[in-house]
Protein backbone atom coordinates (compact mmCIF):
# COMPACT_ATOMS: atom_id res chain seq x y z
CA MET A 1 -66.24 -11.64 -46.32
CA ILE A 2 -66.89 -11.73 -42.59
CA PRO A 3 -68.60 -8.53 -41.34
CA VAL A 4 -66.87 -6.54 -38.63
CA TYR A 5 -69.20 -4.70 -36.28
CA LEU A 6 -67.73 -1.36 -35.14
CA ASP A 7 -70.81 0.51 -33.89
CA HIS A 8 -70.63 -0.59 -30.26
CA ASN A 9 -71.44 2.98 -29.20
CA ALA A 10 -74.99 2.49 -30.55
CA THR A 11 -75.52 -1.05 -29.28
CA THR A 12 -73.41 -4.00 -28.28
CA PRO A 13 -74.06 -7.73 -28.59
CA ILE A 14 -74.97 -9.13 -25.19
CA ASP A 15 -72.58 -11.49 -23.44
CA GLU A 16 -74.03 -14.98 -22.98
CA ASP A 17 -73.51 -14.87 -19.20
CA VAL A 18 -75.33 -11.55 -18.97
CA LEU A 19 -78.17 -12.86 -21.11
CA ALA A 20 -78.54 -15.95 -18.92
CA ALA A 21 -78.63 -13.78 -15.78
CA MET A 22 -81.24 -11.43 -17.26
CA LEU A 23 -83.59 -13.92 -18.92
CA PRO A 24 -85.61 -14.69 -15.74
CA PHE A 25 -86.25 -10.94 -15.31
CA LEU A 26 -87.20 -10.50 -18.97
CA ARG A 27 -89.57 -13.47 -18.95
CA GLU A 28 -91.27 -13.83 -15.57
CA ALA A 29 -89.73 -11.63 -12.86
CA PHE A 30 -90.20 -8.32 -14.65
CA GLY A 31 -91.60 -5.35 -12.80
CA ASN A 32 -91.08 -1.69 -12.04
CA PRO A 33 -88.71 -1.55 -9.04
CA SER A 34 -90.31 1.75 -8.01
CA SER A 35 -93.77 0.19 -7.66
CA SER A 36 -95.15 -0.83 -4.29
CA HIS A 37 -96.96 -3.97 -5.48
CA PRO A 38 -95.42 -7.45 -5.04
CA ILE A 39 -94.04 -7.68 -8.57
CA GLY A 40 -92.35 -4.26 -8.17
CA ARG A 41 -90.94 -5.18 -4.77
CA ARG A 42 -89.46 -8.37 -6.23
CA ALA A 43 -87.84 -6.30 -8.99
CA ARG A 44 -86.53 -3.80 -6.42
CA ASP A 45 -85.04 -6.70 -4.37
CA ALA A 46 -83.24 -7.85 -7.51
CA VAL A 47 -81.89 -4.35 -8.21
CA GLU A 48 -80.69 -4.04 -4.59
CA THR A 49 -79.01 -7.47 -4.79
CA ALA A 50 -77.26 -6.37 -7.97
CA ARG A 51 -76.21 -3.14 -6.27
CA ALA A 52 -74.67 -5.04 -3.37
CA GLU A 53 -72.86 -7.44 -5.73
CA VAL A 54 -71.36 -4.59 -7.80
CA ALA A 55 -70.31 -2.82 -4.61
CA ALA A 56 -68.60 -5.94 -3.27
CA LEU A 57 -66.89 -6.47 -6.63
CA ILE A 58 -65.25 -3.04 -6.59
CA GLY A 59 -64.82 -2.61 -2.82
CA ALA A 60 -67.50 0.06 -2.43
CA ALA A 61 -70.54 0.50 -0.22
CA ALA A 62 -73.86 -0.34 -1.79
CA ASP A 63 -75.14 3.19 -1.27
CA GLU A 64 -72.24 4.43 -3.47
CA ILE A 65 -73.55 2.51 -6.49
CA VAL A 66 -75.88 4.35 -8.83
CA PHE A 67 -77.61 2.69 -11.78
CA THR A 68 -78.67 4.93 -14.63
CA SER A 69 -80.66 4.45 -17.81
CA GLY A 70 -77.67 4.93 -20.08
CA GLY A 71 -74.45 6.72 -20.93
CA THR A 72 -75.87 10.26 -21.20
CA GLU A 73 -77.61 10.09 -17.85
CA ALA A 74 -74.45 8.60 -16.25
CA SER A 75 -72.26 11.35 -17.71
CA ASN A 76 -74.64 14.07 -16.55
CA THR A 77 -74.83 12.56 -13.07
CA ALA A 78 -71.01 12.39 -12.82
CA ILE A 79 -70.55 15.96 -14.13
CA ARG A 80 -73.22 17.40 -11.85
CA GLY A 81 -71.77 15.48 -8.87
CA GLY A 82 -68.31 16.81 -9.59
CA ALA A 83 -69.63 20.36 -9.92
CA VAL A 84 -71.37 20.18 -6.56
CA ALA A 85 -68.41 18.59 -4.73
């Protein structure tokens, strides 16, 4: 019997294109984008490039794109933003 995975809320298999795009950052271009050293600045540049690409994809400004650590943080950010507006 072929298993059927239904727990995508917990974790999801990574798409091959996403894996290929991330591998350089997992292997050699890793770094804390909040750090001021060269490795951190390179990571920050990659995050800012991704932010601009996402913005262009959805017709938004780069400063309107917020990356979070996961679903809970994203939900809380959206709820708090809506409450303040």
